[in-house]
PDB file of N, CA and C in Angstrom:
ATOM      1  N   TYR A   1      -9.387  12.783   9.493  1.00  0.00           N
ATOM      2  CA  TYR A   1      -9.418  11.714   8.511  1.00  0.00           C
ATOM      3  C   TYR A   1     -10.860  11.457   8.096  1.00  0.00           C
ATOM      4  N   VAL A   2     -11.055  11.129   6.822  1.00  0.00           N
ATOM      5  CA  VAL A   2     -12.381  10.808   6.308  1.00  0.00           C
ATOM      6  C   VAL A   2     -12.300   9.446   5.627  1.00  0.00           C
ATOM      7  N   TYR A   3     -13.270   8.594   5.932  1.00  0.00           N
ATOM      8  CA  TYR A   3     -13.335   7.250   5.360  1.00  0.00           C
ATOM      9  C   TYR A   3     -14.633   7.098   4.581  1.00  0.00           C
ATOM     10  N   ASN A   4     -14.617   6.283   3.526  1.00  0.00           N
ATOM     11  CA  ASN A   4     -15.837   6.008   2.774  1.00  0.00           C
ATOM     12  C   ASN A   4     -16.587   4.836   3.411  1.00  0.00           C
ATOM     13  N   ASP A   5     -17.684   4.414   2.782  1.00  0.00           N
ATOM     14  CA  ASP A   5     -18.504   3.329   3.335  1.00  0.00           C
ATOM     15  C   ASP A   5     -17.772   1.992   3.396  1.00  0.00           C
ATOM     16  N   ALA A   6     -16.698   1.838   2.620  1.00  0.00           N
ATOM     17  CA  ALA A   6     -15.903   0.605   2.635  1.00  0.00           C
ATOM     18  C   ALA A   6     -14.743   0.697   3.627  1.00  0.00           C
ATOM     19  N   SER A   7     -14.769   1.735   4.477  1.00  0.00           N
ATOM     20  CA  SER A   7     -13.726   1.970   5.492  1.00  0.00           C
ATOM     21  C   SER A   7     -12.356   2.255   4.879  1.00  0.00           C
ATOM     22  N   GLN A   8     -12.354   2.835   3.697  1.00  0.00           N
ATOM     23  CA  GLN A   8     -11.113   3.213   3.031  1.00  0.00           C
ATOM     24  C   GLN A   8     -10.855   4.697   3.287  1.00  0.00           C
ATOM     25  N   LEU A   9      -9.632   5.028   3.611  1.00  0.00           N
ATOM     26  CA  LEU A   9      -9.256   6.414   3.842  1.00  0.00           C
ATOM     27  C   LEU A   9      -9.344   7.180   2.529  1.00  0.00           C
ATOM     28  N   VAL A  10     -10.098   8.274   2.505  1.00  0.00           N
ATOM     29  CA  VAL A  10     -10.248   9.066   1.288  1.00  0.00           C
ATOM     30  C   VAL A  10      -9.827  10.520   1.478  1.00  0.00           C
ATOM     31  N   SER A  11      -9.511  10.914   2.709  1.00  0.00           N
ATOM     32  CA  SER A  11      -9.060  12.276   2.966  1.00  0.00           C
ATOM     33  C   SER A  11      -8.237  12.304   4.239  1.00  0.00           C
ATOM     34  N   SER A  12      -7.136  13.040   4.177  1.00  0.00           N
ATOM     35  CA  SER A  12      -6.275  13.204   5.340  1.00  0.00           C
ATOM     36  C   SER A  12      -5.924  14.680   5.466  1.00  0.00           C
ATOM     37  N   ASN A  13      -6.252  15.263   6.591  1.00  0.00           N
ATOM     38  CA  ASN A  13      -5.978  16.690   6.824  1.00  0.00           C
ATOM     39  C   ASN A  13      -6.515  17.567   5.699  1.00  0.00           C
ATOM     40  N   GLY A  14      -7.696  17.221   5.193  1.00  0.00           N
ATOM     41  CA  GLY A  14      -8.341  18.010   4.157  1.00  0.00           C
ATOM     42  C   GLY A  14      -7.918  17.691   2.739  1.00  0.00           C
ATOM     43  N   THR A  15      -6.918  16.845   2.553  1.00  0.00           N
ATOM     44  CA  THR A  15      -6.455  16.470   1.218  1.00  0.00           C
ATOM     45  C   THR A  15      -7.246  15.268   0.730  1.00  0.00           C
ATOM     46  N   THR A  16      -7.969  15.440  -0.384  1.00  0.00           N
ATOM     47  CA  THR A  16      -8.806  14.352  -0.894  1.00  0.00           C
ATOM     48  C   THR A  16      -8.263  13.751  -2.184  1.00  0.00           C
ATOM     49  N   THR A  17      -7.169  14.271  -2.717  1.00  0.00           N
ATOM     50  CA  THR A  17      -6.609  13.719  -3.949  1.00  0.00           C
ATOM     51  C   THR A  17      -5.468  12.766  -3.625  1.00  0.00           C
ATOM     52  N   GLY A  18      -5.237  11.821  -4.519  1.00  0.00           N
ATOM     53  CA  GLY A  18      -4.108  10.917  -4.362  1.00  0.00           C
ATOM     54  C   GLY A  18      -4.422   9.582  -3.722  1.00  0.00           C
ATOM     55  N   TRP A  19      -5.660   9.376  -3.287  1.00  0.00           N
ATOM     56  CA  TRP A  19      -6.035   8.107  -2.656  1.00  0.00           C
ATOM     57  C   TRP A  19      -6.769   7.259  -3.680  1.00  0.00           C
ATOM     58  N   SER A  20      -6.341   6.000  -3.867  1.00  0.00           N
ATOM     59  CA  SER A  20      -7.056   5.103  -4.776  1.00  0.00           C
ATOM     60  C   SER A  20      -6.956   3.666  -4.277  1.00  0.00           C
ATOM     61  N   TYR A  21      -7.909   2.852  -4.738  1.00  0.00           N
ATOM     62  CA  TYR A  21      -8.030   1.463  -4.297  1.00  0.00           C
ATOM     63  C   TYR A  21      -8.382   0.582  -5.487  1.00  0.00           C
ATOM     64  N   ASP A  22      -7.978  -0.695  -5.430  1.00  0.00           N
ATOM     65  CA  ASP A  22      -8.348  -1.627  -6.491  1.00  0.00           C
ATOM     66  C   ASP A  22      -9.719  -2.231  -6.191  1.00  0.00           C
ATOM     67  N   LYS A  23     -10.182  -3.134  -7.068  1.00  0.00           N
ATOM     68  CA  LYS A  23     -11.510  -3.733  -6.904  1.00  0.00           C
ATOM     69  C   LYS A  23     -11.642  -4.540  -5.620  1.00  0.00           C
ATOM     70  N   ALA A  24     -10.524  -5.075  -5.123  1.00  0.00           N
ATOM     71  CA  ALA A  24     -10.549  -5.861  -3.886  1.00  0.00           C
ATOM     72  C   ALA A  24     -10.490  -4.974  -2.641  1.00  0.00           C
ATOM     73  N   GLY A  25     -10.346  -3.667  -2.843  1.00  0.00           N
ATOM     74  CA  GLY A  25     -10.294  -2.751  -1.715  1.00  0.00           C
ATOM     75  C   GLY A  25      -8.894  -2.446  -1.219  1.00  0.00           C
ATOM     76  N   ASN A  26      -7.881  -2.968  -1.894  1.00  0.00           N
ATOM     77  CA  ASN A  26      -6.496  -2.706  -1.502  1.00  0.00           C
ATOM     78  C   ASN A  26      -6.068  -1.324  -1.984  1.00  0.00           C
ATOM     79  N   GLU A  27      -5.333  -0.612  -1.165  1.00  0.00           N
ATOM     80  CA  GLU A  27      -4.828   0.703  -1.537  1.00  0.00           C
ATOM     81  C   GLU A  27      -3.834   0.582  -2.694  1.00  0.00           C
ATOM     82  N   THR A  28      -3.989   1.418  -3.717  1.00  0.00           N
ATOM     83  CA  THR A  28      -3.051   1.427  -4.839  1.00  0.00           C
ATOM     84  C   THR A  28      -2.225   2.706  -4.889  1.00  0.00           C
ATOM     85  N   ALA A  29      -2.668   3.739  -4.192  1.00  0.00           N
ATOM     86  CA  ALA A  29      -1.915   4.991  -4.095  1.00  0.00           C
ATOM     87  C   ALA A  29      -2.416   5.765  -2.888  1.00  0.00           C
ATOM     88  N   ALA A  30      -1.516   6.549  -2.304  1.00  0.00           N
ATOM     89  CA  ALA A  30      -1.878   7.364  -1.151  1.00  0.00           C
ATOM     90  C   ALA A  30      -1.023   8.618  -1.132  1.00  0.00           C
ATOM     91  N   ALA A  31      -1.601   9.693  -0.634  1.00  0.00           N
ATOM     92  CA  ALA A  31      -0.891  10.966  -0.561  1.00  0.00           C
ATOM     93  C   ALA A  31      -1.083  11.570   0.824  1.00  0.00           C
ATOM     94  N   PRO A  32      -0.450  11.000   1.833  1.00  0.00           N
ATOM     95  CA  PRO A  32      -0.647  11.503   3.190  1.00  0.00           C
ATOM     96  C   PRO A  32      -0.085  12.910   3.362  1.00  0.00           C
ATOM     97  N   ALA A  33      -0.859  13.785   3.979  1.00  0.00           N
ATOM     98  CA  ALA A  33      -0.398  15.147   4.239  1.00  0.00           C
ATOM     99  C   ALA A  33       0.823  15.100   5.147  1.00  0.00           C
ATOM    100  N   GLY A  34       1.891  15.723   4.712  1.00  0.00           N
ATOM    101  CA  GLY A  34       3.103  15.752   5.518  1.00  0.00           C
ATOM    102  C   GLY A  34       3.901  14.467   5.497  1.00  0.00           C
ATOM    103  N   GLY A  35       3.457  13.491   4.704  1.00  0.00           N
ATOM    104  CA  GLY A  35       4.158  12.206   4.651  1.00  0.00           C
ATOM    105  C   GLY A  35       4.654  11.902   3.255  1.00  0.00           C
ATOM    106  N   THR A  36       5.158  10.713   3.066  1.00  0.00           N
ATOM    107  CA  THR A  36       5.682  10.281   1.776  1.00  0.00           C
ATOM    108  C   THR A  36       4.570   9.646   0.948  1.00  0.00           C
ATOM    109  N   ALA A  37       4.366  10.159  -0.252  1.00  0.00           N
ATOM    110  CA  ALA A  37       3.347   9.599  -1.138  1.00  0.00           C
ATOM    111  C   ALA A  37       3.733   8.190  -1.562  1.00  0.00           C
ATOM    112  N   ARG A  38       2.720   7.351  -1.715  1.00  0.00           N
ATOM    113  CA  ARG A  38       2.899   5.978  -2.186  1.00  0.00           C
ATOM    114  C   ARG A  38       2.127   5.837  -3.493  1.00  0.00           C
ATOM    115  N   THR A  39       2.752   5.224  -4.486  1.00  0.00           N
ATOM    116  CA  THR A  39       2.077   4.991  -5.763  1.00  0.00           C
ATOM    117  C   THR A  39       2.416   3.588  -6.247  1.00  0.00           C
ATOM    118  N   GLY A  40       1.732   3.158  -7.292  1.00  0.00           N
ATOM    119  CA  GLY A  40       2.059   1.882  -7.916  1.00  0.00           C
ATOM    120  C   GLY A  40       1.999   0.694  -6.982  1.00  0.00           C
ATOM    121  N   GLU A  41       1.157   0.767  -5.955  1.00  0.00           N
ATOM    122  CA  GLU A  41       1.043  -0.373  -5.049  1.00  0.00           C
ATOM    123  C   GLU A  41       0.333  -1.505  -5.786  1.00  0.00           C
ATOM    124  N   THR A  42       0.964  -2.670  -5.817  1.00  0.00           N
ATOM    125  CA  THR A  42       0.345  -3.841  -6.433  1.00  0.00           C
ATOM    126  C   THR A  42       0.183  -4.915  -5.371  1.00  0.00           C
ATOM    127  N   TRP A  43      -0.780  -5.805  -5.609  1.00  0.00           N
ATOM    128  CA  TRP A  43      -1.164  -6.800  -4.608  1.00  0.00           C
ATOM    129  C   TRP A  43      -1.238  -8.180  -5.231  1.00  0.00           C
ATOM    130  N   THR A  44      -0.963  -9.209  -4.431  1.00  0.00           N
ATOM    131  CA  THR A  44      -1.103 -10.590  -4.895  1.00  0.00           C
ATOM    132  C   THR A  44      -2.573 -10.988  -4.872  1.00  0.00           C
ATOM    133  N   ASP A  45      -2.865 -12.169  -5.375  1.00  0.00           N
ATOM    134  CA  ASP A  45      -4.234 -12.691  -5.329  1.00  0.00           C
ATOM    135  C   ASP A  45      -4.701 -12.934  -3.896  1.00  0.00           C
ATOM    136  N   HIS A  46      -3.769 -12.933  -2.946  1.00  0.00           N
ATOM    137  CA  HIS A  46      -4.093 -13.152  -1.535  1.00  0.00           C
ATOM    138  C   HIS A  46      -4.103 -11.841  -0.749  1.00  0.00           C
ATOM    139  N   SER A  47      -4.203 -10.710  -1.460  1.00  0.00           N
ATOM    140  CA  SER A  47      -4.219  -9.372  -0.855  1.00  0.00           C
ATOM    141  C   SER A  47      -2.979  -9.083  -0.017  1.00  0.00           C
ATOM    142  N   GLN A  48      -1.844  -9.544  -0.498  1.00  0.00           N
ATOM    143  CA  GLN A  48      -0.556  -9.217   0.119  1.00  0.00           C
ATOM    144  C   GLN A  48       0.103  -8.138  -0.730  1.00  0.00           C
ATOM    145  N   LEU A  49       0.662  -7.127  -0.083  1.00  0.00           N
ATOM    146  CA  LEU A  49       1.359  -6.083  -0.819  1.00  0.00           C
ATOM    147  C   LEU A  49       2.531  -6.700  -1.578  1.00  0.00           C
ATOM    148  N   LYS A  50       2.552  -6.528  -2.901  1.00  0.00           N
ATOM    149  CA  LYS A  50       3.570  -7.142  -3.765  1.00  0.00           C
ATOM    150  C   LYS A  50       4.666  -6.149  -4.140  1.00  0.00           C
ATOM    151  N   SER A  51       4.291  -4.887  -4.363  1.00  0.00           N
ATOM    152  CA  SER A  51       5.284  -3.852  -4.655  1.00  0.00           C
ATOM    153  C   SER A  51       4.712  -2.491  -4.298  1.00  0.00           C
ATOM    154  N   ILE A  52       5.619  -1.557  -4.049  1.00  0.00           N
ATOM    155  CA  ILE A  52       5.228  -0.203  -3.670  1.00  0.00           C
ATOM    156  C   ILE A  52       6.291   0.761  -4.186  1.00  0.00           C
ATOM    157  N   THR A  53       5.850   1.935  -4.619  1.00  0.00           N
ATOM    158  CA  THR A  53       6.773   2.957  -5.099  1.00  0.00           C
ATOM    159  C   THR A  53       6.690   4.171  -4.188  1.00  0.00           C
ATOM    160  N   THR A  54       7.846   4.600  -3.693  1.00  0.00           N
ATOM    161  CA  THR A  54       7.961   5.831  -2.913  1.00  0.00           C
ATOM    162  C   THR A  54       9.198   6.577  -3.388  1.00  0.00           C
ATOM    163  N   VAL A  55       9.091   7.873  -3.483  1.00  0.00           N
ATOM    164  CA  VAL A  55      10.199   8.739  -3.895  1.00  0.00           C
ATOM    165  C   VAL A  55      10.857   8.218  -5.180  1.00  0.00           C
ATOM    166  N   GLY A  56      10.037   7.706  -6.109  1.00  0.00           N
ATOM    167  CA  GLY A  56      10.537   7.250  -7.394  1.00  0.00           C
ATOM    168  C   GLY A  56      11.204   5.884  -7.409  1.00  0.00           C
ATOM    169  N   THR A  57      11.230   5.206  -6.271  1.00  0.00           N
ATOM    170  CA  THR A  57      11.855   3.885  -6.190  1.00  0.00           C
ATOM    171  C   THR A  57      10.796   2.826  -5.918  1.00  0.00           C
ATOM    172  N   THR A  58      10.759   1.796  -6.757  1.00  0.00           N
ATOM    173  CA  THR A  58       9.822   0.692  -6.563  1.00  0.00           C
ATOM    174  C   THR A  58      10.524  -0.426  -5.810  1.00  0.00           C
ATOM    175  N   ARG A  59       9.840  -0.933  -4.795  1.00  0.00           N
ATOM    176  CA  ARG A  59      10.389  -2.009  -3.971  1.00  0.00           C
ATOM    177  C   ARG A  59       9.431  -3.201  -3.998  1.00  0.00           C
ATOM    178  N   ALA A  60       9.987  -4.383  -4.175  1.00  0.00           N
ATOM    179  CA  ALA A  60       9.197  -5.616  -4.165  1.00  0.00           C
ATOM    180  C   ALA A  60       9.138  -6.163  -2.746  1.00  0.00           C
ATOM    181  N   LEU A  61       8.037  -6.830  -2.427  1.00  0.00           N
ATOM    182  CA  LEU A  61       7.867  -7.478  -1.131  1.00  0.00           C
ATOM    183  C   LEU A  61       7.643  -8.962  -1.342  1.00  0.00           C
ATOM    184  N   THR A  62       8.093  -9.774  -0.393  1.00  0.00           N
ATOM    185  CA  THR A  62       7.919 -11.221  -0.449  1.00  0.00           C
ATOM    186  C   THR A  62       7.319 -11.689   0.869  1.00  0.00           C
ATOM    187  N   HIS A  63       6.370 -12.614   0.779  1.00  0.00           N
ATOM    188  CA  HIS A  63       5.723 -13.179   1.963  1.00  0.00           C
ATOM    189  C   HIS A  63       5.990 -14.682   2.023  1.00  0.00           C
ATOM    190  N   ALA A  64       5.964 -15.237   3.227  1.00  0.00           N
ATOM    191  CA  ALA A  64       6.264 -16.660   3.415  1.00  0.00           C
ATOM    192  C   ALA A  64       5.120 -17.562   2.975  1.00  0.00           C
ATOM    193  N   GLY A  65       3.911 -17.092   3.093  1.00  0.00           N
ATOM    194  CA  GLY A  65       2.760 -17.930   2.767  1.00  0.00           C
ATOM    195  C   GLY A  65       1.706 -17.128   2.043  1.00  0.00           C
ATOM    196  N   THR A  66       0.456 -17.524   2.229  1.00  0.00           N
ATOM    197  CA  THR A  66      -0.642 -16.869   1.526  1.00  0.00           C
ATOM    198  C   THR A  66      -1.397 -15.872   2.391  1.00  0.00           C
ATOM    199  N   ASP A  67      -0.841 -15.532   3.553  1.00  0.00           N
ATOM    200  CA  ASP A  67      -1.461 -14.494   4.370  1.00  0.00           C
ATOM    201  C   ASP A  67      -0.408 -13.435   4.694  1.00  0.00           C
ATOM    202  N   ASN A  68      -0.769 -12.478   5.500  1.00  0.00           N
ATOM    203  CA  ASN A  68       0.141 -11.372   5.807  1.00  0.00           C
ATOM    204  C   ASN A  68       0.867 -11.536   7.133  1.00  0.00           C
ATOM    205  N   THR A  69       0.894 -12.743   7.684  1.00  0.00           N
ATOM    206  CA  THR A  69       1.510 -12.922   8.998  1.00  0.00           C
ATOM    207  C   THR A  69       3.023 -12.896   8.952  1.00  0.00           C
ATOM    208  N   GLU A  70       3.631 -13.179   7.793  1.00  0.00           N
ATOM    209  CA  GLU A  70       5.086 -13.220   7.744  1.00  0.00           C
ATOM    210  C   GLU A  70       5.621 -12.657   6.428  1.00  0.00           C
ATOM    211  N   ARG A  71       6.051 -11.409   6.480  1.00  0.00           N
ATOM    212  CA  ARG A  71       6.735 -10.798   5.337  1.00  0.00           C
ATOM    213  C   ARG A  71       8.199 -11.175   5.456  1.00  0.00           C
ATOM    214  N   THR A  72       8.775 -11.731   4.406  1.00  0.00           N
ATOM    215  CA  THR A  72      10.158 -12.198   4.484  1.00  0.00           C
ATOM    216  C   THR A  72      11.158 -11.259   3.829  1.00  0.00           C
ATOM    217  N   ALA A  73      10.686 -10.364   2.951  1.00  0.00           N
ATOM    218  CA  ALA A  73      11.623  -9.434   2.312  1.00  0.00           C
ATOM    219  C   ALA A  73      10.909  -8.175   1.850  1.00  0.00           C
ATOM    220  N   LEU A  74      11.638  -7.073   1.915  1.00  0.00           N
ATOM    221  CA  LEU A  74      11.224  -5.798   1.346  1.00  0.00           C
ATOM    222  C   LEU A  74      12.433  -5.271   0.589  1.00  0.00           C
ATOM    223  N   ALA A  75      12.336  -5.279  -0.738  1.00  0.00           N
ATOM    224  CA  ALA A  75      13.464  -4.909  -1.607  1.00  0.00           C
ATOM    225  C   ALA A  75      14.651  -5.806  -1.269  1.00  0.00           C
ATOM    226  N   ASP A  76      15.795  -5.232  -0.913  1.00  0.00           N
ATOM    227  CA  ASP A  76      16.999  -6.018  -0.613  1.00  0.00           C
ATOM    228  C   ASP A  76      17.107  -6.422   0.854  1.00  0.00           C
ATOM    229  N   THR A  77      16.126  -6.051   1.657  1.00  0.00           N
ATOM    230  CA  THR A  77      16.160  -6.369   3.084  1.00  0.00           C
ATOM    231  C   THR A  77      15.367  -7.636   3.360  1.00  0.00           C
ATOM    232  N   THR A  78      16.021  -8.636   3.939  1.00  0.00           N
ATOM    233  CA  THR A  78      15.321  -9.858   4.338  1.00  0.00           C
ATOM    234  C   THR A  78      15.124  -9.841   5.844  1.00  0.00           C
ATOM    235  N   PHE A  79      14.107 -10.532   6.297  1.00  0.00           N
ATOM    236  CA  PHE A  79      13.743 -10.515   7.707  1.00  0.00           C
ATOM    237  C   PHE A  79      14.029 -11.826   8.416  1.00  0.00           C
ATOM    238  N   HIS A  80      14.805 -12.701   7.808  1.00  0.00           N
ATOM    239  CA  HIS A  80      15.167 -13.970   8.449  1.00  0.00           C
ATOM    240  C   HIS A  80      16.634 -14.201   8.326  1.00  0.00           C
TER     241      HIS A  80
END
């Protein structure tokens, strides 16, 4: 694995394409070697993952508050 000066992953198993980040440093896309690519990652103003696309399907996420301590839903799955 290779990380940049901001501690963001920029290479995995020699693959350097497919990794991107927004101005706040949140990952917006990833292409892990041997794994499922993630694209279209969007984030709230509180740096909480708001949506993610994998295998052509976009899933929304919901959090209970303004931090990442309690995710309450991922797509149609609720956690309470």
